[in-house]
Amino acid sequence: MSELRVAVPRGALFMSTLDLLDRLGVSTEDVRENDRRLLFERAGIITMRPSDVPTYVEAGAADLGITGKDVLLEQSERELYELVDLGYGHCTMVLATVAGTDPAAEALRRLGVMRIATKYPRIATRYFLETGRQAEIVEVKGSVELAPLTGLAEGIVDLTASGATLRENGLVVREEIARSTARLIANPVSHKLKAQAIVALLERLDAV
């Protein structure tokens, strides 16, 4: 795999991704020991935010990358290949509101539109268009759970693993939008020019 450069996501998928690379024969010792370094040339690894992985892979700065399906859905315009569902990092994209009478449904009934806060404006916009409902999408960067508690929005679209953060903030899941797991993606040019190395990697993946 020495000729391939892989974009690895920091955050929730980080340790599981390093464990996978170890099983594939890629030494991640340097990555584990250097918390602040981002580029590991000898191992062929670049570490970054999950949302940046498609950018680096599309541009060819990395041949392969690993990121969540949620990121790929939000950045669906990217020109890259999704090769494999890696089967870890299970999360669900949900529509959630405060418990009790559904304020989003109530706003839709009274006003014909509901306000939804999210870090995933494209996924949310597409979902409400597909389900024939009018929603004003408010993009937030931080703790999206705060939005319905302060009156910024009637509901949120967000990613949840266990639902614990939602419950702690008095929110309940109203609808499931999409399931997300870690995915292996490839730069289209690398997929052609480095096909032999990528096929060998995929064969090792099948084996582990």
N, C-alpha and C. Protein backbone atom coordinates (compact mmCIF):
# COMPACT_ATOMS: atom_id res chain seq x y z
N MET A 1 0.82 -1.21 0.00
CA MET A 1 0.00 0.00 0.00
C MET A 1 0.86 1.26 0.00
N SER A 2 2.17 1.08 -0.07
CA SER A 2 3.08 2.22 0.08
C SER A 2 2.88 3.28 -1.00
N GLU A 3 2.38 2.87 -2.18
CA GLU A 3 2.19 3.86 -3.24
C GLU A 3 0.87 4.61 -3.14
N LEU A 4 0.03 4.20 -2.20
CA LEU A 4 -1.27 4.86 -2.02
C LEU A 4 -1.23 5.80 -0.84
N ARG A 5 -1.87 6.96 -1.00
CA ARG A 5 -2.02 7.90 0.11
C ARG A 5 -3.48 7.90 0.54
N VAL A 6 -3.71 7.72 1.83
CA VAL A 6 -5.06 7.57 2.36
C VAL A 6 -5.40 8.72 3.30
N ALA A 7 -6.57 9.34 3.09
CA ALA A 7 -7.09 10.38 3.97
C ALA A 7 -7.89 9.70 5.08
N VAL A 8 -7.46 9.91 6.31
CA VAL A 8 -8.06 9.26 7.48
C VAL A 8 -8.80 10.29 8.33
N PRO A 9 -10.04 10.00 8.71
CA PRO A 9 -10.82 10.98 9.46
C PRO A 9 -10.50 10.97 10.96
N ARG A 10 -10.23 12.13 11.52
CA ARG A 10 -10.13 12.24 12.97
C ARG A 10 -11.54 12.28 13.56
N GLY A 11 -11.65 12.15 14.87
CA GLY A 11 -12.98 12.15 15.49
C GLY A 11 -13.47 10.75 15.75
N ALA A 12 -14.78 10.55 15.62
CA ALA A 12 -15.43 9.30 16.05
C ALA A 12 -14.93 8.08 15.27
N LEU A 13 -14.54 8.26 14.00
CA LEU A 13 -14.12 7.11 13.18
C LEU A 13 -12.62 6.82 13.29
N PHE A 14 -11.88 7.68 13.99
CA PHE A 14 -10.42 7.66 13.93
C PHE A 14 -9.82 6.33 14.39
N MET A 15 -10.11 5.90 15.62
CA MET A 15 -9.46 4.71 16.17
C MET A 15 -9.87 3.45 15.41
N SER A 16 -11.14 3.34 15.03
CA SER A 16 -11.58 2.16 14.26
C SER A 16 -10.90 2.11 12.90
N THR A 17 -10.66 3.29 12.32
CA THR A 17 -9.98 3.35 11.02
C THR A 17 -8.52 2.93 11.15
N LEU A 18 -7.85 3.40 12.20
CA LEU A 18 -6.45 2.98 12.43
C LEU A 18 -6.37 1.48 12.68
N ASP A 19 -7.33 0.94 13.44
CA ASP A 19 -7.35 -0.51 13.69
C ASP A 19 -7.50 -1.28 12.38
N LEU A 20 -8.36 -0.78 11.50
CA LEU A 20 -8.55 -1.42 10.19
C LEU A 20 -7.26 -1.38 9.37
N LEU A 21 -6.61 -0.23 9.34
CA LEU A 21 -5.36 -0.10 8.57
C LEU A 21 -4.29 -1.05 9.11
N ASP A 22 -4.23 -1.19 10.43
CA ASP A 22 -3.28 -2.15 11.02
C ASP A 22 -3.56 -3.56 10.51
N ARG A 23 -4.84 -3.93 10.47
CA ARG A 23 -5.19 -5.28 10.00
C ARG A 23 -4.85 -5.47 8.52
N LEU A 24 -4.79 -4.35 7.79
CA LEU A 24 -4.45 -4.41 6.37
C LEU A 24 -2.94 -4.37 6.14
N GLY A 25 -2.18 -4.31 7.24
CA GLY A 25 -0.72 -4.31 7.12
C GLY A 25 -0.09 -2.95 7.04
N VAL A 26 -0.86 -1.89 7.31
CA VAL A 26 -0.33 -0.52 7.31
C VAL A 26 -0.01 -0.16 8.76
N SER A 27 1.25 0.17 9.04
CA SER A 27 1.62 0.52 10.41
C SER A 27 1.08 1.91 10.77
N THR A 28 0.31 1.97 11.84
CA THR A 28 -0.25 3.27 12.28
C THR A 28 0.40 3.73 13.59
N GLU A 29 1.51 3.12 13.94
CA GLU A 29 2.16 3.45 15.21
C GLU A 29 2.51 4.94 15.30
N ASP A 30 3.09 5.48 14.25
CA ASP A 30 3.46 6.91 14.24
C ASP A 30 2.22 7.79 14.42
N VAL A 31 1.13 7.41 13.77
CA VAL A 31 -0.10 8.20 13.84
C VAL A 31 -0.63 8.21 15.27
N ARG A 32 -0.60 7.04 15.91
CA ARG A 32 -1.12 6.92 17.28
C ARG A 32 -0.25 7.69 18.28
N GLU A 33 1.05 7.79 17.99
CA GLU A 33 1.98 8.42 18.95
C GLU A 33 2.12 9.93 18.75
N ASN A 34 1.65 10.43 17.62
CA ASN A 34 1.80 11.87 17.32
C ASN A 34 0.42 12.50 17.13
N ASP A 35 -0.12 12.99 18.21
CA ASP A 35 -1.49 13.48 18.21
C ASP A 35 -1.67 14.74 17.37
N ARG A 36 -0.61 15.55 17.24
CA ARG A 36 -0.75 16.85 16.57
C ARG A 36 -0.29 16.82 15.11
N ARG A 37 0.52 15.85 14.75
CA ARG A 37 0.95 15.75 13.35
C ARG A 37 -0.21 15.32 12.47
N LEU A 38 -0.22 15.80 11.22
CA LEU A 38 -1.33 15.51 10.31
C LEU A 38 -0.92 14.65 9.12
N LEU A 39 0.36 14.75 8.72
CA LEU A 39 0.84 14.04 7.52
C LEU A 39 1.90 13.03 7.92
N PHE A 40 1.69 11.79 7.50
CA PHE A 40 2.60 10.70 7.82
C PHE A 40 3.02 10.05 6.51
N GLU A 41 4.05 10.61 5.89
CA GLU A 41 4.45 10.21 4.54
C GLU A 41 4.83 8.74 4.46
N ARG A 42 5.57 8.26 5.44
CA ARG A 42 6.07 6.88 5.38
C ARG A 42 4.92 5.87 5.38
N ALA A 43 3.88 6.18 6.16
CA ALA A 43 2.72 5.28 6.22
C ALA A 43 1.72 5.56 5.10
N GLY A 44 1.87 6.71 4.43
CA GLY A 44 0.92 7.07 3.38
C GLY A 44 -0.42 7.52 3.94
N ILE A 45 -0.38 8.19 5.10
CA ILE A 45 -1.61 8.59 5.78
C ILE A 45 -1.64 10.10 5.98
N ILE A 46 -2.78 10.72 5.67
CA ILE A 46 -3.04 12.12 6.05
C ILE A 46 -4.26 12.08 6.97
N THR A 47 -4.21 12.81 8.08
CA THR A 47 -5.37 12.85 8.97
C THR A 47 -6.03 14.22 8.89
N MET A 48 -7.36 14.24 9.00
CA MET A 48 -8.12 15.48 8.83
C MET A 48 -9.53 15.31 9.36
N ARG A 49 -10.29 16.40 9.33
CA ARG A 49 -11.71 16.33 9.70
C ARG A 49 -12.44 15.44 8.69
N PRO A 50 -13.42 14.66 9.15
CA PRO A 50 -14.16 13.80 8.22
C PRO A 50 -14.76 14.55 7.03
N SER A 51 -15.23 15.78 7.27
CA SER A 51 -15.86 16.54 6.19
C SER A 51 -14.86 17.01 5.13
N ASP A 52 -13.55 16.97 5.46
CA ASP A 52 -12.53 17.38 4.48
C ASP A 52 -12.04 16.21 3.62
N VAL A 53 -12.34 14.99 4.03
CA VAL A 53 -11.83 13.82 3.30
C VAL A 53 -12.25 13.83 1.83
N PRO A 54 -13.54 14.06 1.48
CA PRO A 54 -13.91 14.08 0.06
C PRO A 54 -13.18 15.16 -0.74
N THR A 55 -12.89 16.30 -0.11
CA THR A 55 -12.18 17.40 -0.80
C THR A 55 -10.80 16.94 -1.23
N TYR A 56 -10.06 16.31 -0.31
CA TYR A 56 -8.70 15.86 -0.60
C TYR A 56 -8.69 14.73 -1.61
N VAL A 57 -9.68 13.82 -1.50
CA VAL A 57 -9.73 12.69 -2.43
C VAL A 57 -10.13 13.17 -3.83
N GLU A 58 -11.12 14.03 -3.92
CA GLU A 58 -11.55 14.53 -5.23
C GLU A 58 -10.41 15.27 -5.93
N ALA A 59 -9.62 16.03 -5.17
CA ALA A 59 -8.53 16.83 -5.75
C ALA A 59 -7.29 15.99 -6.07
N GLY A 60 -7.27 14.74 -5.59
CA GLY A 60 -6.11 13.89 -5.85
C GLY A 60 -4.99 14.05 -4.85
N ALA A 61 -5.20 14.85 -3.80
CA ALA A 61 -4.20 14.99 -2.74
C ALA A 61 -4.11 13.69 -1.93
N ALA A 62 -5.17 12.89 -2.00
CA ALA A 62 -5.18 11.53 -1.45
C ALA A 62 -5.79 10.61 -2.50
N ASP A 63 -5.26 9.40 -2.61
CA ASP A 63 -5.81 8.44 -3.57
C ASP A 63 -7.10 7.84 -3.05
N LEU A 64 -7.10 7.55 -1.75
CA LEU A 64 -8.24 6.92 -1.09
C LEU A 64 -8.59 7.72 0.16
N GLY A 65 -9.79 7.52 0.65
CA GLY A 65 -10.18 8.18 1.89
C GLY A 65 -11.23 7.36 2.59
N ILE A 66 -11.37 7.61 3.88
CA ILE A 66 -12.41 6.96 4.67
C ILE A 66 -13.21 8.06 5.38
N THR A 67 -14.52 8.02 5.19
CA THR A 67 -15.38 8.99 5.86
C THR A 67 -16.78 8.41 5.99
N GLY A 68 -17.64 9.10 6.72
CA GLY A 68 -18.99 8.60 6.93
C GLY A 68 -19.89 8.82 5.73
N LYS A 69 -20.88 7.97 5.58
CA LYS A 69 -21.86 8.12 4.49
C LYS A 69 -22.59 9.46 4.61
N ASP A 70 -22.76 9.94 5.86
CA ASP A 70 -23.41 11.24 6.05
C ASP A 70 -22.66 12.36 5.34
N VAL A 71 -21.33 12.31 5.40
CA VAL A 71 -20.50 13.32 4.72
C VAL A 71 -20.67 13.22 3.21
N LEU A 72 -20.72 11.99 2.70
CA LEU A 72 -20.88 11.79 1.25
C LEU A 72 -22.25 12.24 0.77
N LEU A 73 -23.27 12.02 1.57
CA LEU A 73 -24.62 12.48 1.21
C LEU A 73 -24.68 14.01 1.19
N GLU A 74 -24.01 14.65 2.14
CA GLU A 74 -24.01 16.11 2.21
C GLU A 74 -23.21 16.71 1.06
N GLN A 75 -22.18 15.97 0.59
CA GLN A 75 -21.30 16.46 -0.48
C GLN A 75 -21.49 15.60 -1.74
N SER A 76 -22.72 15.36 -2.10
CA SER A 76 -23.03 14.42 -3.19
C SER A 76 -22.54 14.89 -4.56
N GLU A 77 -22.16 16.17 -4.67
CA GLU A 77 -21.67 16.69 -5.95
C GLU A 77 -20.22 16.31 -6.22
N ARG A 78 -19.52 15.79 -5.23
CA ARG A 78 -18.10 15.45 -5.38
C ARG A 78 -17.92 14.34 -6.43
N GLU A 79 -16.87 14.48 -7.22
CA GLU A 79 -16.55 13.47 -8.24
C GLU A 79 -15.55 12.48 -7.65
N LEU A 80 -16.07 11.40 -7.11
CA LEU A 80 -15.24 10.35 -6.53
C LEU A 80 -16.01 9.04 -6.56
N TYR A 81 -15.30 7.96 -6.31
CA TYR A 81 -15.93 6.64 -6.31
C TYR A 81 -16.10 6.16 -4.87
N GLU A 82 -17.28 5.67 -4.56
CA GLU A 82 -17.52 5.03 -3.26
C GLU A 82 -17.31 3.53 -3.47
N LEU A 83 -16.27 2.98 -2.85
CA LEU A 83 -15.86 1.60 -3.14
C LEU A 83 -16.48 0.56 -2.21
N VAL A 84 -16.45 0.82 -0.91
CA VAL A 84 -16.83 -0.21 0.06
C VAL A 84 -17.52 0.41 1.27
N ASP A 85 -18.57 -0.26 1.75
CA ASP A 85 -19.15 0.03 3.06
C ASP A 85 -18.31 -0.74 4.07
N LEU A 86 -17.60 -0.01 4.94
CA LEU A 86 -16.66 -0.65 5.87
C LEU A 86 -17.34 -1.22 7.12
N GLY A 87 -18.61 -0.87 7.32
CA GLY A 87 -19.40 -1.54 8.34
C GLY A 87 -19.16 -1.12 9.78
N TYR A 88 -18.46 -0.01 10.00
CA TYR A 88 -18.34 0.49 11.37
C TYR A 88 -18.76 1.96 11.40
N GLY A 89 -18.84 2.53 12.60
CA GLY A 89 -19.28 3.92 12.72
C GLY A 89 -20.77 4.10 12.46
N HIS A 90 -21.58 3.14 12.92
CA HIS A 90 -23.02 3.17 12.67
C HIS A 90 -23.68 4.40 13.32
N CYS A 91 -24.37 5.18 12.51
CA CYS A 91 -25.14 6.33 12.99
C CYS A 91 -26.41 6.45 12.14
N THR A 92 -27.34 7.25 12.61
CA THR A 92 -28.57 7.48 11.86
C THR A 92 -28.84 8.98 11.77
N MET A 93 -29.15 9.45 10.57
CA MET A 93 -29.58 10.84 10.38
C MET A 93 -31.07 10.90 10.70
N VAL A 94 -31.43 11.80 11.62
CA VAL A 94 -32.82 11.82 12.09
C VAL A 94 -33.40 13.24 12.07
N LEU A 95 -34.72 13.28 12.06
CA LEU A 95 -35.46 14.50 12.36
C LEU A 95 -35.91 14.38 13.80
N ALA A 96 -35.55 15.35 14.64
CA ALA A 96 -35.91 15.30 16.05
C ALA A 96 -36.53 16.63 16.49
N THR A 97 -37.42 16.55 17.46
CA THR A 97 -38.03 17.75 18.04
C THR A 97 -38.14 17.53 19.55
N VAL A 98 -38.60 18.54 20.27
CA VAL A 98 -38.82 18.36 21.70
C VAL A 98 -39.92 17.34 21.92
N ALA A 99 -39.85 16.65 23.05
CA ALA A 99 -40.84 15.61 23.38
C ALA A 99 -42.23 16.23 23.56
N GLY A 100 -43.24 15.39 23.45
CA GLY A 100 -44.62 15.87 23.56
C GLY A 100 -45.22 16.10 22.19
N THR A 101 -46.14 17.04 22.09
CA THR A 101 -46.73 17.38 20.80
C THR A 101 -45.63 17.84 19.85
N ASP A 102 -45.62 17.31 18.64
CA ASP A 102 -44.56 17.61 17.67
C ASP A 102 -44.68 19.06 17.17
N PRO A 103 -43.74 19.95 17.60
CA PRO A 103 -43.85 21.35 17.20
C PRO A 103 -43.59 21.59 15.71
N ALA A 104 -42.79 20.73 15.10
CA ALA A 104 -42.52 20.88 13.66
C ALA A 104 -43.78 20.55 12.85
N ALA A 105 -44.44 19.46 13.22
CA ALA A 105 -45.68 19.08 12.54
C ALA A 105 -46.76 20.15 12.78
N GLU A 106 -46.78 20.70 13.99
CA GLU A 106 -47.75 21.73 14.34
C GLU A 106 -47.51 23.01 13.52
N ALA A 107 -46.24 23.40 13.38
CA ALA A 107 -45.89 24.59 12.58
C ALA A 107 -46.27 24.38 11.12
N LEU A 108 -46.04 23.18 10.63
CA LEU A 108 -46.38 22.86 9.25
C LEU A 108 -47.89 22.94 9.03
N ARG A 109 -48.63 22.46 10.01
CA ARG A 109 -50.10 22.48 9.90
C ARG A 109 -50.64 23.92 9.96
N ARG A 110 -50.08 24.73 10.86
CA ARG A 110 -50.60 26.10 11.06
C ARG A 110 -50.09 27.09 10.02
N LEU A 111 -48.78 26.97 9.70
CA LEU A 111 -48.11 27.99 8.88
C LEU A 111 -47.74 27.50 7.48
N GLY A 112 -47.77 26.18 7.29
CA GLY A 112 -47.38 25.62 6.00
C GLY A 112 -45.88 25.49 5.83
N VAL A 113 -45.11 25.82 6.87
CA VAL A 113 -43.64 25.73 6.82
C VAL A 113 -43.12 25.50 8.23
N MET A 114 -42.01 24.74 8.33
CA MET A 114 -41.37 24.55 9.63
C MET A 114 -39.91 24.95 9.53
N ARG A 115 -39.35 25.41 10.64
CA ARG A 115 -37.94 25.79 10.68
C ARG A 115 -37.13 24.63 11.24
N ILE A 116 -36.10 24.25 10.52
CA ILE A 116 -35.27 23.11 10.90
C ILE A 116 -33.81 23.55 10.96
N ALA A 117 -33.18 23.34 12.10
CA ALA A 117 -31.76 23.65 12.27
C ALA A 117 -30.93 22.39 11.99
N THR A 118 -29.78 22.56 11.36
CA THR A 118 -28.97 21.39 11.00
C THR A 118 -27.56 21.78 10.62
N LYS A 119 -26.64 20.82 10.76
CA LYS A 119 -25.28 20.95 10.21
C LYS A 119 -25.24 20.36 8.80
N TYR A 120 -26.36 19.81 8.36
CA TYR A 120 -26.44 19.11 7.07
C TYR A 120 -27.52 19.74 6.19
N PRO A 121 -27.33 20.98 5.74
CA PRO A 121 -28.40 21.67 5.01
C PRO A 121 -28.81 21.00 3.71
N ARG A 122 -27.88 20.38 3.02
CA ARG A 122 -28.24 19.74 1.73
C ARG A 122 -29.06 18.48 1.95
N ILE A 123 -28.65 17.67 2.91
CA ILE A 123 -29.42 16.46 3.22
C ILE A 123 -30.83 16.84 3.66
N ALA A 124 -30.93 17.85 4.54
CA ALA A 124 -32.24 18.27 5.06
C ALA A 124 -33.12 18.82 3.95
N THR A 125 -32.55 19.70 3.12
CA THR A 125 -33.32 20.30 2.02
C THR A 125 -33.84 19.23 1.08
N ARG A 126 -32.97 18.29 0.73
CA ARG A 126 -33.35 17.20 -0.19
C ARG A 126 -34.45 16.33 0.43
N TYR A 127 -34.31 16.04 1.71
CA TYR A 127 -35.28 15.17 2.38
C TYR A 127 -36.67 15.79 2.39
N PHE A 128 -36.76 17.07 2.74
CA PHE A 128 -38.08 17.70 2.82
C PHE A 128 -38.69 17.93 1.44
N LEU A 129 -37.84 18.18 0.45
CA LEU A 129 -38.35 18.26 -0.93
C LEU A 129 -38.93 16.92 -1.36
N GLU A 130 -38.19 15.84 -1.06
CA GLU A 130 -38.64 14.50 -1.47
C GLU A 130 -39.91 14.07 -0.75
N THR A 131 -40.10 14.57 0.46
CA THR A 131 -41.30 14.19 1.22
C THR A 131 -42.41 15.24 1.10
N GLY A 132 -42.21 16.23 0.22
CA GLY A 132 -43.26 17.18 -0.11
C GLY A 132 -43.65 18.14 1.00
N ARG A 133 -42.67 18.52 1.82
CA ARG A 133 -42.96 19.45 2.91
C ARG A 133 -42.07 20.68 2.79
N GLN A 134 -42.61 21.83 3.19
CA GLN A 134 -41.83 23.06 3.10
C GLN A 134 -41.10 23.29 4.42
N ALA A 135 -39.80 23.47 4.32
CA ALA A 135 -38.99 23.70 5.51
C ALA A 135 -38.00 24.83 5.27
N GLU A 136 -37.89 25.71 6.24
CA GLU A 136 -36.85 26.74 6.22
C GLU A 136 -35.65 26.16 6.96
N ILE A 137 -34.54 26.00 6.24
CA ILE A 137 -33.37 25.35 6.81
C ILE A 137 -32.43 26.41 7.40
N VAL A 138 -32.10 26.22 8.67
CA VAL A 138 -31.18 27.12 9.37
C VAL A 138 -29.89 26.34 9.63
N GLU A 139 -28.78 26.77 9.01
CA GLU A 139 -27.53 26.04 9.19
C GLU A 139 -26.83 26.51 10.46
N VAL A 140 -26.45 25.55 11.30
CA VAL A 140 -25.69 25.84 12.52
C VAL A 140 -24.42 25.00 12.51
N LYS A 141 -23.40 25.47 13.21
CA LYS A 141 -22.12 24.75 13.24
C LYS A 141 -21.90 24.01 14.54
N GLY A 142 -22.47 24.51 15.63
CA GLY A 142 -22.21 23.92 16.95
C GLY A 142 -23.27 22.93 17.37
N SER A 143 -23.63 22.99 18.65
CA SER A 143 -24.59 22.04 19.23
C SER A 143 -26.00 22.32 18.70
N VAL A 144 -26.40 21.52 17.75
CA VAL A 144 -27.68 21.75 17.07
C VAL A 144 -28.87 21.50 18.01
N GLU A 145 -28.66 20.71 19.08
CA GLU A 145 -29.74 20.41 20.03
C GLU A 145 -30.27 21.67 20.71
N LEU A 146 -29.46 22.71 20.72
CA LEU A 146 -29.85 23.96 21.38
C LEU A 146 -30.97 24.67 20.62
N ALA A 147 -31.03 24.48 19.31
CA ALA A 147 -31.95 25.26 18.46
C ALA A 147 -33.42 25.14 18.86
N PRO A 148 -33.96 23.93 19.07
CA PRO A 148 -35.38 23.85 19.45
C PRO A 148 -35.63 24.30 20.89
N LEU A 149 -34.59 24.26 21.72
CA LEU A 149 -34.75 24.64 23.13
C LEU A 149 -34.82 26.16 23.31
N THR A 150 -34.29 26.89 22.32
CA THR A 150 -34.23 28.35 22.42
C THR A 150 -35.21 29.04 21.48
N GLY A 151 -35.96 28.24 20.69
CA GLY A 151 -36.92 28.84 19.76
C GLY A 151 -36.33 29.20 18.41
N LEU A 152 -35.07 28.84 18.17
CA LEU A 152 -34.47 29.11 16.86
C LEU A 152 -35.16 28.30 15.77
N ALA A 153 -35.56 27.07 16.11
CA ALA A 153 -36.19 26.19 15.13
C ALA A 153 -37.16 25.26 15.84
N GLU A 154 -38.09 24.70 15.05
CA GLU A 154 -39.04 23.74 15.63
C GLU A 154 -38.45 22.33 15.73
N GLY A 155 -37.44 22.06 14.89
CA GLY A 155 -36.85 20.73 14.89
C GLY A 155 -35.43 20.77 14.39
N ILE A 156 -34.77 19.63 14.45
CA ILE A 156 -33.39 19.53 13.96
C ILE A 156 -33.26 18.30 13.07
N VAL A 157 -32.32 18.37 12.14
CA VAL A 157 -31.86 17.20 11.41
C VAL A 157 -30.42 16.99 11.83
N ASP A 158 -30.13 15.83 12.42
CA ASP A 158 -28.78 15.61 12.93
C ASP A 158 -28.45 14.12 12.92
N LEU A 159 -27.17 13.85 13.13
CA LEU A 159 -26.67 12.49 13.16
C LEU A 159 -26.62 12.02 14.61
N THR A 160 -27.11 10.82 14.87
CA THR A 160 -27.07 10.28 16.23
C THR A 160 -26.61 8.84 16.20
N ALA A 161 -25.83 8.47 17.21
CA ALA A 161 -25.39 7.08 17.32
C ALA A 161 -26.28 6.34 18.32
N SER A 162 -26.34 6.83 19.54
CA SER A 162 -27.12 6.15 20.58
C SER A 162 -28.41 6.89 20.93
N GLY A 163 -28.50 8.17 20.55
CA GLY A 163 -29.66 8.98 20.92
C GLY A 163 -29.55 9.59 22.30
N ALA A 164 -28.42 9.34 22.99
CA ALA A 164 -28.26 9.83 24.37
C ALA A 164 -28.28 11.35 24.45
N THR A 165 -27.56 12.03 23.54
CA THR A 165 -27.51 13.50 23.57
C THR A 165 -28.89 14.10 23.33
N LEU A 166 -29.65 13.48 22.43
CA LEU A 166 -31.01 13.95 22.19
C LEU A 166 -31.85 13.83 23.46
N ARG A 167 -31.79 12.64 24.08
CA ARG A 167 -32.59 12.41 25.29
C ARG A 167 -32.20 13.36 26.42
N GLU A 168 -30.90 13.60 26.57
CA GLU A 168 -30.42 14.49 27.63
C GLU A 168 -30.93 15.91 27.46
N ASN A 169 -31.27 16.27 26.22
CA ASN A 169 -31.76 17.61 25.94
C ASN A 169 -33.28 17.64 25.70
N GLY A 170 -33.95 16.57 26.09
CA GLY A 170 -35.41 16.53 26.00
C GLY A 170 -35.96 16.42 24.59
N LEU A 171 -35.16 15.87 23.68
CA LEU A 171 -35.58 15.73 22.28
C LEU A 171 -35.89 14.27 21.97
N VAL A 172 -36.78 14.06 21.03
CA VAL A 172 -37.13 12.70 20.60
C VAL A 172 -37.03 12.60 19.07
N VAL A 173 -36.69 11.42 18.60
CA VAL A 173 -36.61 11.16 17.15
C VAL A 173 -38.03 11.05 16.60
N ARG A 174 -38.31 11.83 15.56
CA ARG A 174 -39.61 11.74 14.89
C ARG A 174 -39.53 10.91 13.61
N GLU A 175 -38.42 11.04 12.89
CA GLU A 175 -38.27 10.31 11.62
C GLU A 175 -36.80 9.94 11.41
N GLU A 176 -36.57 8.78 10.82
CA GLU A 176 -35.22 8.38 10.40
C GLU A 176 -35.05 8.74 8.92
N ILE A 177 -33.97 9.42 8.62
CA ILE A 177 -33.74 9.91 7.26
C ILE A 177 -32.78 9.01 6.48
N ALA A 178 -31.67 8.62 7.12
CA ALA A 178 -30.66 7.79 6.44
C ALA A 178 -29.78 7.12 7.47
N ARG A 179 -29.25 5.96 7.10
CA ARG A 179 -28.27 5.26 7.94
C ARG A 179 -26.88 5.59 7.42
N SER A 180 -25.92 5.69 8.33
CA SER A 180 -24.56 6.04 7.94
C SER A 180 -23.55 5.09 8.57
N THR A 181 -22.58 4.67 7.76
CA THR A 181 -21.42 3.92 8.24
C THR A 181 -20.18 4.46 7.52
N ALA A 182 -19.02 4.03 7.95
CA ALA A 182 -17.77 4.45 7.30
C ALA A 182 -17.68 3.86 5.89
N ARG A 183 -17.23 4.67 4.95
CA ARG A 183 -17.09 4.23 3.55
C ARG A 183 -15.67 4.49 3.05
N LEU A 184 -15.20 3.60 2.19
CA LEU A 184 -13.92 3.79 1.50
C LEU A 184 -14.20 4.44 0.16
N ILE A 185 -13.55 5.57 -0.09
CA ILE A 185 -13.76 6.30 -1.35
C ILE A 185 -12.43 6.43 -2.10
N ALA A 186 -12.53 6.67 -3.41
CA ALA A 186 -11.33 6.75 -4.24
C ALA A 186 -11.40 7.92 -5.20
N ASN A 187 -10.24 8.47 -5.49
CA ASN A 187 -10.11 9.47 -6.56
C ASN A 187 -10.24 8.73 -7.90
N PRO A 188 -11.08 9.23 -8.83
CA PRO A 188 -11.29 8.52 -10.10
C PRO A 188 -10.02 8.29 -10.91
N VAL A 189 -9.11 9.26 -10.93
CA VAL A 189 -7.86 9.10 -11.68
C VAL A 189 -6.97 8.05 -11.03
N SER A 190 -6.85 8.13 -9.70
CA SER A 190 -6.06 7.13 -8.97
C SER A 190 -6.64 5.74 -9.17
N HIS A 191 -7.96 5.66 -9.24
CA HIS A 191 -8.64 4.38 -9.42
C HIS A 191 -8.21 3.72 -10.72
N LYS A 192 -7.89 4.54 -11.73
CA LYS A 192 -7.40 4.00 -13.01
C LYS A 192 -5.89 3.75 -12.97
N LEU A 193 -5.14 4.80 -12.56
CA LEU A 193 -3.67 4.73 -12.65
C LEU A 193 -3.06 3.80 -11.60
N LYS A 194 -3.72 3.66 -10.48
CA LYS A 194 -3.19 2.81 -9.40
C LYS A 194 -4.13 1.63 -9.13
N ALA A 195 -4.75 1.17 -10.21
CA ALA A 195 -5.77 0.11 -10.10
C ALA A 195 -5.23 -1.14 -9.42
N GLN A 196 -4.00 -1.52 -9.77
CA GLN A 196 -3.43 -2.76 -9.22
C GLN A 196 -3.30 -2.67 -7.70
N ALA A 197 -2.80 -1.54 -7.21
CA ALA A 197 -2.62 -1.36 -5.76
C ALA A 197 -3.96 -1.30 -5.06
N ILE A 198 -4.95 -0.66 -5.70
CA ILE A 198 -6.28 -0.54 -5.07
C ILE A 198 -6.99 -1.89 -5.04
N VAL A 199 -6.87 -2.64 -6.13
CA VAL A 199 -7.48 -3.99 -6.16
C VAL A 199 -6.84 -4.87 -5.09
N ALA A 200 -5.52 -4.77 -4.93
CA ALA A 200 -4.82 -5.57 -3.90
C ALA A 200 -5.31 -5.19 -2.50
N LEU A 201 -5.55 -3.91 -2.30
CA LEU A 201 -6.07 -3.44 -1.02
C LEU A 201 -7.49 -3.97 -0.77
N LEU A 202 -8.32 -3.93 -1.81
CA LEU A 202 -9.69 -4.42 -1.67
C LEU A 202 -9.72 -5.92 -1.39
N GLU A 203 -8.78 -6.65 -1.97
CA GLU A 203 -8.68 -8.10 -1.71
C GLU A 203 -8.29 -8.35 -0.25
N ARG A 204 -7.36 -7.52 0.28
CA ARG A 204 -6.98 -7.65 1.69
C ARG A 204 -8.16 -7.30 2.58
N LEU A 205 -8.95 -6.29 2.16
CA LEU A 205 -10.14 -5.91 2.92
C LEU A 205 -11.11 -7.08 3.02
N ASP A 206 -11.33 -7.74 1.89
CA ASP A 206 -12.23 -8.91 1.87
C ASP A 206 -11.72 -9.99 2.84
N ALA A 207 -10.40 -10.13 2.88
CA ALA A 207 -9.81 -11.18 3.70
C ALA A 207 -9.96 -10.89 5.21
N VAL A 208 -9.92 -9.60 5.57
CA VAL A 208 -10.03 -9.26 7.00
C VAL A 208 -11.47 -8.98 7.40
